[in-house]
Amino acid sequence: MNTLDGTVISMCQQQHRHAEWLQFLRLIQRKTPKHLQLHLIVDNYGTHTHPDVQAWLTKHPRFVMHFTPTSASWLNMVERFFRDISENRIRRDSFTSVPELELAIDLYVAHHNANPNPFIWTKSATDILAKVTRAKAALARSTR
């Protein structure tokens, strides 16, 4: 997801291993202007840090990886998009096959990309960090 304009590059795959992640990185490489540096925000899943991925990234320095902290998926805008597609498309229907589900996803992404909007944070960084601090304190109290 391009956080500046809201467009999404997508690829449905049967598994989520490092080989599939590399295929997706190559798709991103093909679909984005070559002069841009790309900052990818990802979770700490092993797929994203596999040695083959690290080797590929070394050869493609315009890709810069940023890893979200554990339990901070809300920092990753693609997670918000996953929530939206789940609520607005996937859970509203039933699918008789995987290809039918993949078509629904592809159509949703195409519809989204026809009129994309960037995500705008409505809270200040100070407000967000204060909420995180309160949540951490509450969690610490509950585990005592």
C-alpha atoms as a PDB file:
ATOM      1  CA  MET A   1       0.000   0.000   0.000  1.00  0.00           C
ATOM      2  CA  ASN A   2       1.338   3.365  -1.005  1.00  0.00           C
ATOM      3  CA  THR A   3       0.642   5.493   2.044  1.00  0.00           C
ATOM      4  CA  LEU A   4       1.030   8.709   0.031  1.00  0.00           C
ATOM      5  CA  ASP A   5      -1.812   8.051  -2.398  1.00  0.00           C
ATOM      6  CA  GLY A   6      -3.579   4.952  -1.038  1.00  0.00           C
ATOM      7  CA  THR A   7      -2.988   2.684  -4.040  1.00  0.00           C
ATOM      8  CA  VAL A   8      -2.443  -1.017  -3.429  1.00  0.00           C
ATOM      9  CA  ILE A   9      -0.300  -3.594  -5.217  1.00  0.00           C
ATOM     10  CA  SER A  10      -1.631  -7.057  -4.492  1.00  0.00           C
ATOM     11  CA  MET A  11      -0.822 -10.679  -5.171  1.00  0.00           C
ATOM     12  CA  CYS A  12      -2.748 -13.718  -3.945  1.00  0.00           C
ATOM     13  CA  GLN A  13      -0.608 -16.733  -3.139  1.00  0.00           C
ATOM     14  CA  GLN A  14      -1.292 -20.119  -1.590  1.00  0.00           C
ATOM     15  CA  GLN A  15       1.463 -19.806   0.995  1.00  0.00           C
ATOM     16  CA  HIS A  16       3.447 -17.075   2.713  1.00  0.00           C
ATOM     17  CA  ARG A  17       7.014 -18.288   2.680  1.00  0.00           C
ATOM     18  CA  HIS A  18      10.141 -16.374   1.747  1.00  0.00           C
ATOM     19  CA  ALA A  19       9.866 -17.523  -1.898  1.00  0.00           C
ATOM     20  CA  GLU A  20       6.405 -15.961  -2.211  1.00  0.00           C
ATOM     21  CA  TRP A  21       7.597 -12.804  -0.447  1.00  0.00           C
ATOM     22  CA  LEU A  22      10.413 -12.538  -3.001  1.00  0.00           C
ATOM     23  CA  GLN A  23       7.870 -12.899  -5.821  1.00  0.00           C
ATOM     24  CA  PHE A  24       5.870 -10.070  -4.299  1.00  0.00           C
ATOM     25  CA  LEU A  25       8.972  -7.885  -3.904  1.00  0.00           C
ATOM     26  CA  ARG A  26       9.714  -8.446  -7.606  1.00  0.00           C
ATOM     27  CA  LEU A  27       6.143  -7.444  -8.464  1.00  0.00           C
ATOM     28  CA  ILE A  28       6.531  -4.248  -6.439  1.00  0.00           C
ATOM     29  CA  GLN A  29       9.825  -3.622  -8.226  1.00  0.00           C
ATOM     30  CA  ARG A  30       8.130  -3.955 -11.651  1.00  0.00           C
ATOM     31  CA  LYS A  31       5.112  -1.807 -10.747  1.00  0.00           C
ATOM     32  CA  THR A  32       6.864   1.173  -9.164  1.00  0.00           C
ATOM     33  CA  PRO A  33       8.921   3.909 -10.818  1.00  0.00           C
ATOM     34  CA  LYS A  34      12.582   2.922 -10.780  1.00  0.00           C
ATOM     35  CA  HIS A  35      13.776   6.261  -9.365  1.00  0.00           C
ATOM     36  CA  LEU A  36      11.785   5.917  -6.132  1.00  0.00           C
ATOM     37  CA  GLN A  37      13.201   4.621  -2.884  1.00  0.00           C
ATOM     38  CA  LEU A  38      10.648   2.227  -1.393  1.00  0.00           C
ATOM     39  CA  HIS A  39      10.110   2.015   2.360  1.00  0.00           C
ATOM     40  CA  LEU A  40       8.314  -1.210   3.259  1.00  0.00           C
ATOM     41  CA  ILE A  41       6.662  -1.496   6.668  1.00  0.00           C
ATOM     42  CA  VAL A  42       6.379  -5.153   7.621  1.00  0.00           C
ATOM     43  CA  ASP A  43       5.961  -7.292  10.698  1.00  0.00           C
ATOM     44  CA  ASN A  44       8.737  -9.457  12.147  1.00  0.00           C
ATOM     45  CA  TYR A  45       7.514 -12.652  10.495  1.00  0.00           C
ATOM     46  CA  GLY A  46      10.472 -14.861   9.547  1.00  0.00           C
ATOM     47  CA  THR A  47       9.530 -14.676   5.875  1.00  0.00           C
ATOM     48  CA  HIS A  48      10.566 -11.024   5.807  1.00  0.00           C
ATOM     49  CA  THR A  49      13.992 -11.679   7.336  1.00  0.00           C
ATOM     50  CA  HIS A  50      14.955 -14.923   5.577  1.00  0.00           C
ATOM     51  CA  PRO A  51      18.589 -14.983   4.341  1.00  0.00           C
ATOM     52  CA  ASP A  52      17.453 -15.219   0.685  1.00  0.00           C
ATOM     53  CA  VAL A  53      15.299 -12.127   1.195  1.00  0.00           C
ATOM     54  CA  GLN A  54      18.189 -10.316   2.872  1.00  0.00           C
ATOM     55  CA  ALA A  55      20.447 -11.206  -0.071  1.00  0.00           C
ATOM     56  CA  TRP A  56      17.848  -9.902  -2.550  1.00  0.00           C
ATOM     57  CA  LEU A  57      17.425  -6.683  -0.580  1.00  0.00           C
ATOM     58  CA  THR A  58      21.197  -6.149  -0.574  1.00  0.00           C
ATOM     59  CA  LYS A  59      21.098  -6.244  -4.388  1.00  0.00           C
ATOM     60  CA  HIS A  60      18.096  -3.867  -4.469  1.00  0.00           C
ATOM     61  CA  PRO A  61      19.028  -0.965  -2.181  1.00  0.00           C
ATOM     62  CA  ARG A  62      15.994   1.128  -3.135  1.00  0.00           C
ATOM     63  CA  PHE A  63      13.981  -1.242  -0.908  1.00  0.00           C
ATOM     64  CA  VAL A  64      14.263  -0.193   2.734  1.00  0.00           C
ATOM     65  CA  MET A  65      12.625  -2.442   5.304  1.00  0.00           C
ATOM     66  CA  HIS A  66      11.047  -1.114   8.508  1.00  0.00           C
ATOM     67  CA  PHE A  67       9.814  -3.648  11.054  1.00  0.00           C
ATOM     68  CA  THR A  68       6.873  -2.946  13.319  1.00  0.00           C
ATOM     69  CA  PRO A  69       7.283  -3.834  16.983  1.00  0.00           C
ATOM     70  CA  THR A  70       5.526  -6.951  18.214  1.00  0.00           C
ATOM     71  CA  SER A  71       1.838  -6.271  18.950  1.00  0.00           C
ATOM     72  CA  ALA A  72       1.871  -3.038  16.957  1.00  0.00           C
ATOM     73  CA  SER A  73       0.091  -4.124  13.774  1.00  0.00           C
ATOM     74  CA  TRP A  74      -1.874  -0.859  13.926  1.00  0.00           C
ATOM     75  CA  LEU A  75       1.317   0.874  12.703  1.00  0.00           C
ATOM     76  CA  ASN A  76       1.154  -1.079   9.445  1.00  0.00           C
ATOM     77  CA  MET A  77      -1.367   0.490   7.060  1.00  0.00           C
ATOM     78  CA  VAL A  78      -1.709  -2.693   5.032  1.00  0.00           C
ATOM     79  CA  GLU A  79      -3.224  -4.294   8.148  1.00  0.00           C
ATOM     80  CA  ARG A  80      -5.907  -1.605   8.047  1.00  0.00           C
ATOM     81  CA  PHE A  81      -6.521  -2.443   4.384  1.00  0.00           C
ATOM     82  CA  PHE A  82      -6.798  -6.153   5.280  1.00  0.00           C
ATOM     83  CA  ARG A  83      -9.395  -5.216   7.887  1.00  0.00           C
ATOM     84  CA  ASP A  84     -11.346  -3.156   5.354  1.00  0.00           C
ATOM     85  CA  ILE A  85     -11.329  -5.844   2.659  1.00  0.00           C
ATOM     86  CA  SER A  86     -12.375  -8.448   5.238  1.00  0.00           C
ATOM     87  CA  GLU A  87     -15.258  -6.355   6.562  1.00  0.00           C
ATOM     88  CA  ASN A  88     -16.413  -4.837   3.269  1.00  0.00           C
ATOM     89  CA  ARG A  89     -15.995  -7.757   0.901  1.00  0.00           C
ATOM     90  CA  ILE A  90     -14.882 -11.141   2.195  1.00  0.00           C
ATOM     91  CA  ARG A  91     -17.195 -11.514   5.222  1.00  0.00           C
ATOM     92  CA  ARG A  92     -20.187 -10.221   3.238  1.00  0.00           C
ATOM     93  CA  ASP A  93     -20.177 -13.155   0.859  1.00  0.00           C
ATOM     94  CA  SER A  94     -19.506 -16.849   0.582  1.00  0.00           C
ATOM     95  CA  PHE A  95     -17.167 -18.358  -1.946  1.00  0.00           C
ATOM     96  CA  THR A  96     -17.339 -21.808  -3.506  1.00  0.00           C
ATOM     97  CA  SER A  97     -13.677 -21.940  -4.512  1.00  0.00           C
ATOM     98  CA  VAL A  98     -10.316 -20.311  -3.934  1.00  0.00           C
ATOM     99  CA  PRO A  99     -10.280 -18.851  -7.480  1.00  0.00           C
ATOM    100  CA  GLU A 100     -13.640 -17.210  -6.752  1.00  0.00           C
ATOM    101  CA  LEU A 101     -12.256 -15.680  -3.549  1.00  0.00           C
ATOM    102  CA  GLU A 102      -9.117 -14.501  -5.368  1.00  0.00           C
ATOM    103  CA  LEU A 103     -11.279 -12.871  -8.065  1.00  0.00           C
ATOM    104  CA  ALA A 104     -13.290 -11.057  -5.386  1.00  0.00           C
ATOM    105  CA  ILE A 105     -10.057  -9.798  -3.823  1.00  0.00           C
ATOM    106  CA  ASP A 106      -8.658  -8.692  -7.196  1.00  0.00           C
ATOM    107  CA  LEU A 107     -11.889  -6.849  -8.025  1.00  0.00           C
ATOM    108  CA  TYR A 108     -11.942  -5.165  -4.624  1.00  0.00           C
ATOM    109  CA  VAL A 109      -8.353  -3.960  -5.059  1.00  0.00           C
ATOM    110  CA  ALA A 110      -9.106  -2.709  -8.598  1.00  0.00           C
ATOM    111  CA  HIS A 111     -12.186  -0.857  -7.324  1.00  0.00           C
ATOM    112  CA  HIS A 112     -10.143   0.608  -4.463  1.00  0.00           C
ATOM    113  CA  ASN A 113      -7.347   1.695  -6.828  1.00  0.00           C
ATOM    114  CA  ALA A 114      -9.837   3.425  -9.160  1.00  0.00           C
ATOM    115  CA  ASN A 115     -10.318   6.103  -6.487  1.00  0.00           C
ATOM    116  CA  PRO A 116      -7.684   5.601  -3.773  1.00  0.00           C
ATOM    117  CA  ASN A 117      -7.336   7.766  -0.700  1.00  0.00           C
ATOM    118  CA  PRO A 118      -4.306   8.018   1.552  1.00  0.00           C
ATOM    119  CA  PHE A 119      -4.772   7.164   5.196  1.00  0.00           C
ATOM    120  CA  ILE A 120      -4.823  10.265   7.358  1.00  0.00           C
ATOM    121  CA  TRP A 121      -3.975   9.874  11.034  1.00  0.00           C
ATOM    122  CA  THR A 122      -6.586  11.679  13.124  1.00  0.00           C
ATOM    123  CA  LYS A 123      -4.574  11.630  16.320  1.00  0.00           C
ATOM    124  CA  SER A 124      -1.288  13.353  16.980  1.00  0.00           C
ATOM    125  CA  ALA A 125       1.839  11.311  17.665  1.00  0.00           C
ATOM    126  CA  THR A 126       1.705  12.548  21.263  1.00  0.00           C
ATOM    127  CA  ASP A 127      -1.866  11.257  21.694  1.00  0.00           C
ATOM    128  CA  ILE A 128      -0.989   7.903  20.142  1.00  0.00           C
ATOM    129  CA  LEU A 129       2.099   7.446  22.311  1.00  0.00           C
ATOM    130  CA  ALA A 130       0.128   8.412  25.429  1.00  0.00           C
ATOM    131  CA  LYS A 131      -2.452   5.743  24.593  1.00  0.00           C
ATOM    132  CA  VAL A 132       0.295   3.158  24.082  1.00  0.00           C
ATOM    133  CA  THR A 133       1.830   4.107  27.444  1.00  0.00           C
ATOM    134  CA  ARG A 134      -1.548   3.721  29.177  1.00  0.00           C
ATOM    135  CA  ALA A 135      -2.116   0.357  27.478  1.00  0.00           C
ATOM    136  CA  LYS A 136       1.329  -0.917  28.527  1.00  0.00           C
ATOM    137  CA  ALA A 137       0.698   0.175  32.114  1.00  0.00           C
ATOM    138  CA  ALA A 138      -2.690  -1.560  32.151  1.00  0.00           C
ATOM    139  CA  LEU A 139      -1.136  -4.710  30.737  1.00  0.00           C
ATOM    140  CA  ALA A 140       1.618  -4.643  33.354  1.00  0.00           C
ATOM    141  CA  ARG A 141      -0.989  -4.285  36.128  1.00  0.00           C
ATOM    142  CA  SER A 142      -3.027  -7.195  34.784  1.00  0.00           C
ATOM    143  CA  THR A 143      -0.052  -9.579  34.703  1.00  0.00           C
ATOM    144  CA  ARG A 144       0.975  -9.014  38.319  1.00  0.00           C
END
